[in-house]
């Protein structure tokens, strides 16, 4: 089955548990909604990755797959396995991996690690070992499929981990490099971002709004101004800056506000350069 002839871009395999289900749903939604940056489409990259298949049924005691599932798996370019410590216990997931490998597509299997580490969260079929080094220095090295990791990290918010994971998987499905995708997205953000300066800032329903728009000349003579970054009509970031564009703290010791739009708006405040959620 060639990649071009496949009905689905990817088949998402996961254990039917609340956390695993959440990440499987998020993965399908974020990949399906993604629109490829224009810079990449001009090079022949598809505008959308196409359809994904996510099965919402599992027969825990069975290791065989239904004809419908086998057909969907056969018609998928890639297999993406959502991995948590419970994943290796699923006969269903193991069967999907084994069948995909049996068809000679082991190099088209990706993994999304949502909890734990590769040693305890990747099914045995996805874990391989190789010997590295010479003599007494020889060590056994674990080899796992390409993919992404959304397990919590101190220096990353969940939103940042999601975006990074989505882009790593997307770069494979779109058959472009991760660096190409990242650079194209950054270029797109810059081209869509409008910068405006204001005398003051208020909040309406939790969203920052500028008061008293300033000209570039006025900004150059002020102790500080509020710099708004607006993308697609939405405020993304507000920074209190001096005439040189350097962050300036106010009486509240806050110099930057980042806004993320989800089910409800959330503020991320930057205090002395350290982000805290408020």
Protein backbone atom coordinates (compact mmCIF):
# COMPACT_ATOMS: atom_id res chain seq x y z
CA UNK A 1 0.00 0.00 0.00
CA UNK A 2 1.61 3.27 -1.11
CA UNK A 3 1.38 6.38 1.03
CA UNK A 4 -0.51 8.24 -1.70
CA UNK A 5 -3.13 5.48 -2.05
CA UNK A 6 -3.93 5.30 1.67
CA UNK A 7 -7.42 6.26 2.83
CA UNK A 8 -6.14 7.47 6.24
CA UNK A 9 -3.02 9.47 7.06
CA UNK A 10 -2.71 7.63 10.33
CA UNK A 11 -4.38 5.04 12.56
CA UNK A 12 -4.33 6.07 16.23
CA UNK A 13 -3.90 3.13 18.62
CA UNK A 14 -4.41 3.59 22.37
CA UNK A 15 -5.61 1.99 25.59
CA UNK A 16 -9.26 2.89 26.33
CA UNK A 17 -8.65 4.65 29.64
CA UNK A 18 -9.61 8.25 30.50
CA UNK A 19 -6.15 9.82 30.20
CA UNK A 20 -5.15 7.81 27.13
CA UNK A 21 -8.51 8.57 25.51
CA UNK A 22 -8.06 12.30 26.19
CA UNK A 23 -4.69 12.38 24.42
CA UNK A 24 -5.94 10.25 21.52
CA UNK A 25 -8.85 12.65 20.98
CA UNK A 26 -6.55 15.67 21.28
CA UNK A 27 -4.12 14.16 18.77
CA UNK A 28 -6.77 13.50 16.15
CA UNK A 29 -8.32 16.96 16.58
CA UNK A 30 -5.04 18.89 16.52
CA UNK A 31 -3.70 17.02 13.48
CA UNK A 32 -6.98 17.17 11.56
CA UNK A 33 -7.43 20.92 12.14
CA UNK A 34 -3.90 21.85 11.14
CA UNK A 35 -3.44 23.96 8.03
CA UNK A 36 0.02 23.72 6.45
CA UNK A 37 1.89 27.05 6.19
CA UNK A 38 1.78 28.54 2.70
CA UNK A 39 5.58 28.44 2.40
CA UNK A 40 5.42 24.63 2.56
CA UNK A 41 2.39 24.20 0.30
CA UNK A 42 4.26 26.14 -2.39
CA UNK A 43 6.89 23.39 -2.20
CA UNK A 44 4.29 20.69 -2.77
CA UNK A 45 3.40 19.84 0.83
CA UNK A 46 -0.32 19.03 1.24
CA UNK A 47 -2.53 21.74 2.76
CA UNK A 48 -4.05 19.21 5.19
CA UNK A 49 -2.83 15.80 6.32
CA UNK A 50 -6.15 14.16 5.52
CA UNK A 51 -8.27 11.77 7.56
CA UNK A 52 -7.20 9.92 10.70
CA UNK A 53 -8.75 6.78 12.14
CA UNK A 54 -9.38 6.45 15.88
CA UNK A 55 -11.24 3.37 17.08
CA UNK A 56 -13.31 3.85 20.23
CA UNK A 57 -13.96 0.18 20.97
CA UNK A 58 -11.82 -2.45 22.64
CA UNK A 59 -12.33 -6.12 23.40
CA UNK A 60 -9.98 -6.54 26.32
CA UNK A 61 -9.77 -10.32 26.21
CA UNK A 62 -9.25 -10.60 22.46
CA UNK A 63 -5.99 -10.39 20.53
CA UNK A 64 -7.70 -10.56 17.11
CA UNK A 65 -9.02 -7.55 15.24
CA UNK A 66 -12.32 -7.17 13.44
CA UNK A 67 -12.43 -7.00 9.66
CA UNK A 68 -13.33 -3.31 9.86
CA UNK A 69 -10.31 -2.50 12.02
CA UNK A 70 -7.97 -4.51 9.83
CA UNK A 71 -9.26 -2.67 6.78
CA UNK A 72 -8.71 0.72 8.47
CA UNK A 73 -5.23 -0.29 9.58
CA UNK A 74 -4.37 -1.54 6.09
CA UNK A 75 -5.61 1.73 4.60
CA UNK A 76 -3.46 3.89 6.93
CA UNK A 77 -0.11 5.39 5.98
CA UNK A 78 1.11 5.50 9.57
CA UNK A 79 0.32 3.96 12.94
CA UNK A 80 0.51 6.30 15.95
CA UNK A 81 0.58 4.59 19.35
CA UNK A 82 -0.40 6.60 22.44
CA UNK A 83 1.87 5.22 25.18
CA UNK A 84 1.34 5.14 28.95
CA UNK A 85 2.27 2.53 31.59
CA UNK A 86 -1.06 0.79 30.86
CA UNK A 87 -0.45 0.49 27.12
CA UNK A 88 1.72 -2.68 27.19
CA UNK A 89 -1.16 -4.52 28.92
CA UNK A 90 -3.51 -4.06 25.97
CA UNK A 91 -3.85 -7.06 23.66
CA UNK A 92 -5.73 -4.79 21.28
CA UNK A 93 -2.85 -2.32 20.90
CA UNK A 94 -0.35 -5.17 20.65
CA UNK A 95 -2.36 -6.75 17.83
CA UNK A 96 -2.50 -3.48 15.89
CA UNK A 97 1.26 -3.01 16.19
CA UNK A 98 2.01 -6.63 15.27
CA UNK A 99 -0.18 -6.49 12.17
CA UNK A 100 1.34 -3.21 10.99
CA UNK A 101 4.82 -4.67 11.44
CA UNK A 102 3.79 -7.89 9.69
CA UNK A 103 2.89 -5.82 6.63
CA UNK A 104 6.44 -4.43 6.56
CA UNK A 105 5.57 -0.99 7.89
CA UNK A 106 7.58 -0.92 11.11
CA UNK A 107 9.30 2.26 9.90
CA UNK A 108 5.91 4.00 9.74
CA UNK A 109 5.06 3.56 13.42
CA UNK A 110 5.17 6.67 15.64
CA UNK A 111 4.70 6.95 19.40
CA UNK A 112 3.17 9.64 21.61
CA UNK A 113 4.48 9.23 25.16
CA UNK A 114 1.94 10.67 27.62
CA UNK A 115 3.11 9.17 30.91
CA UNK A 116 6.05 7.20 32.29
CA UNK A 117 9.16 6.36 30.29
CA UNK A 118 9.90 4.28 27.18
CA UNK A 119 10.93 1.26 29.26
CA UNK A 120 7.56 0.91 31.00
CA UNK A 121 5.15 2.64 28.61
CA UNK A 122 6.18 1.34 25.17
CA UNK A 123 4.80 -2.11 24.26
CA UNK A 124 7.52 -4.72 23.90
CA UNK A 125 7.02 -4.81 20.14
CA UNK A 126 8.16 -1.17 19.97
CA UNK A 127 11.28 -1.67 22.10
CA UNK A 128 14.50 -2.90 20.54
CA UNK A 129 18.02 -2.99 21.90
CA UNK A 130 21.41 -2.80 20.29
CA UNK A 131 24.93 -3.18 21.64
CA UNK A 132 27.07 -0.05 21.45
CA UNK A 133 30.79 0.23 22.18
CA UNK A 134 33.72 -2.17 22.41
CA UNK A 135 35.02 -4.59 25.03
CA UNK A 136 34.15 -3.80 28.63
CA UNK A 137 32.68 -0.45 27.56
CA UNK A 138 29.91 -2.13 25.58
CA UNK A 139 26.43 -1.02 26.68
CA UNK A 140 22.94 -1.96 25.64
CA UNK A 141 21.03 0.93 24.05
CA UNK A 142 17.24 1.17 23.85
CA UNK A 143 15.80 2.02 20.43
CA UNK A 144 12.21 3.25 20.19
CA UNK A 145 10.11 4.65 17.32
CA UNK A 146 10.18 8.30 16.36
CA UNK A 147 7.39 10.43 17.76
CA UNK A 148 6.77 12.90 20.55
CA UNK A 149 6.70 13.26 24.32
CA UNK A 150 4.11 15.27 26.30
CA UNK A 151 5.10 14.11 29.77
CA UNK A 152 5.39 17.09 32.18
CA UNK A 153 8.61 19.10 32.16
CA UNK A 154 9.56 21.92 34.48
CA UNK A 155 10.36 24.47 31.80
CA UNK A 156 7.37 23.74 29.51
CA UNK A 157 3.65 24.46 29.85
CA UNK A 158 1.15 21.84 28.67
CA UNK A 159 0.29 24.06 25.72
CA UNK A 160 3.94 24.29 24.69
CA UNK A 161 4.35 20.51 25.01
CA UNK A 162 1.25 19.97 22.89
CA UNK A 163 2.44 22.29 20.15
CA UNK A 164 5.88 20.69 20.09
CA UNK A 165 4.41 17.16 19.98
CA UNK A 166 1.91 18.07 17.28
CA UNK A 167 4.62 19.58 15.10
CA UNK A 168 6.99 16.61 15.51
CA UNK A 169 4.30 14.18 14.41
CA UNK A 170 3.04 16.51 11.68
CA UNK A 171 6.48 16.85 10.14
CA UNK A 172 6.53 13.08 9.62
CA UNK A 173 2.99 12.86 8.25
CA UNK A 174 3.58 15.82 5.92
CA UNK A 175 6.96 14.37 4.93
CA UNK A 176 8.95 17.53 5.66
CA UNK A 177 11.64 18.15 8.26
CA UNK A 178 10.75 19.34 11.75
CA UNK A 179 13.02 22.38 11.22
CA UNK A 180 11.20 23.28 7.99
CA UNK A 181 7.81 23.11 9.66
CA UNK A 182 8.93 25.08 12.71
CA UNK A 183 10.53 27.83 10.60
CA UNK A 184 7.47 28.07 8.33
CA UNK A 185 5.13 28.36 11.30
CA UNK A 186 7.31 31.04 12.90
CA UNK A 187 7.43 32.97 9.63
CA UNK A 188 3.65 32.73 9.36
CA UNK A 189 3.21 34.01 12.92
CA UNK A 190 5.48 36.98 12.26
CA UNK A 191 3.65 37.89 9.06
CA UNK A 192 0.27 37.73 10.81
CA UNK A 193 1.28 39.63 13.95
CA UNK A 194 0.37 43.32 14.30
CA UNK A 195 2.21 45.42 16.89
CA UNK A 196 0.43 48.38 18.52
CA UNK A 197 1.37 50.64 21.43
CA UNK A 198 -0.96 52.14 24.02
CA UNK A 199 -0.84 54.58 26.92
CA UNK A 200 -2.59 52.16 29.29
CA UNK A 201 -4.29 48.77 29.47
CA UNK A 202 -7.63 47.57 30.85
CA UNK A 203 -9.24 44.14 30.95
CA UNK A 204 -12.61 43.33 29.51
CA UNK A 205 -13.93 39.86 30.35
CA UNK A 206 -10.39 38.87 31.20
CA UNK A 207 -8.90 39.99 27.87
CA UNK A 208 -6.43 42.93 27.77
CA UNK A 209 -7.49 45.98 25.81
CA UNK A 210 -5.31 48.97 24.94
CA UNK A 211 -6.28 52.52 25.92
CA UNK A 212 -4.96 55.55 24.05
CA UNK A 213 -3.05 54.33 20.99
CA UNK A 214 0.43 55.86 20.62
CA UNK A 215 2.54 56.75 17.61
CA UNK A 216 6.14 55.55 17.26
CA UNK A 217 7.35 59.08 18.07
CA UNK A 218 5.26 59.23 21.24
CA UNK A 219 6.58 55.83 22.35
CA UNK A 220 10.18 57.03 21.92
CA UNK A 221 9.61 59.78 24.51
CA UNK A 222 7.75 57.78 27.14
CA UNK A 223 9.11 56.06 30.22
CA UNK A 224 7.07 53.01 29.29
CA UNK A 225 4.19 51.99 27.01
CA UNK A 226 2.03 48.89 26.58
CA UNK A 227 3.04 46.91 23.51
CA UNK A 228 0.24 44.69 22.15
CA UNK A 229 0.90 41.73 19.84
CA UNK A 230 -2.29 40.97 17.92
CA UNK A 231 -2.69 37.99 15.62
CA UNK A 232 -5.82 37.21 13.61
CA UNK A 233 -7.69 39.88 15.56
CA UNK A 234 -6.80 38.39 18.94
CA UNK A 235 -4.43 39.75 21.55
CA UNK A 236 -1.64 37.23 22.06
CA UNK A 237 0.77 39.14 24.29
CA UNK A 238 1.09 42.44 26.12
CA UNK A 239 4.47 43.80 27.22
CA UNK A 240 5.26 46.89 29.30
CA UNK A 241 8.33 48.27 27.53
CA UNK A 242 10.49 51.38 27.61
CA UNK A 243 11.40 53.49 24.57
CA UNK A 244 14.03 50.89 23.57
CA UNK A 245 11.62 47.95 23.71
CA UNK A 246 13.07 46.60 26.98
CA UNK A 247 10.65 45.10 29.50
CA UNK A 248 9.83 47.42 32.39
CA UNK A 249 8.20 46.21 35.60
CA UNK A 250 5.38 48.25 37.11
CA UNK A 251 4.12 48.55 40.66
CA UNK A 252 2.79 45.01 40.44
CA UNK A 253 6.24 43.78 39.31
CA UNK A 254 4.68 42.31 36.17
CA UNK A 255 6.17 43.19 32.78
CA UNK A 256 4.57 40.72 30.38
CA UNK A 257 1.20 39.03 29.97
CA UNK A 258 0.62 36.09 27.59
CA UNK A 259 -2.96 35.18 26.65
CA UNK A 260 -4.02 31.70 25.55
CA UNK A 261 -7.50 31.00 24.23
CA UNK A 262 -9.14 27.77 25.31
CA UNK A 263 -12.48 27.00 26.91
CA UNK A 264 -11.76 30.00 29.04
CA UNK A 265 -8.99 32.55 28.72
CA UNK A 266 -5.92 32.06 30.84
CA UNK A 267 -3.26 34.59 31.77
CA UNK A 268 0.40 33.72 32.09
CA UNK A 269 2.23 36.45 33.97
CA UNK A 270 5.94 37.02 33.81
CA UNK A 271 7.48 38.22 37.03
CA UNK A 272 11.20 39.03 36.94
CA UNK A 273 11.48 36.83 33.87
CA UNK A 274 9.82 33.79 35.51
CA UNK A 275 6.43 32.64 34.21
CA UNK A 276 3.63 31.90 36.64
CA UNK A 277 0.01 31.13 35.86
CA UNK A 278 -2.46 33.64 37.25
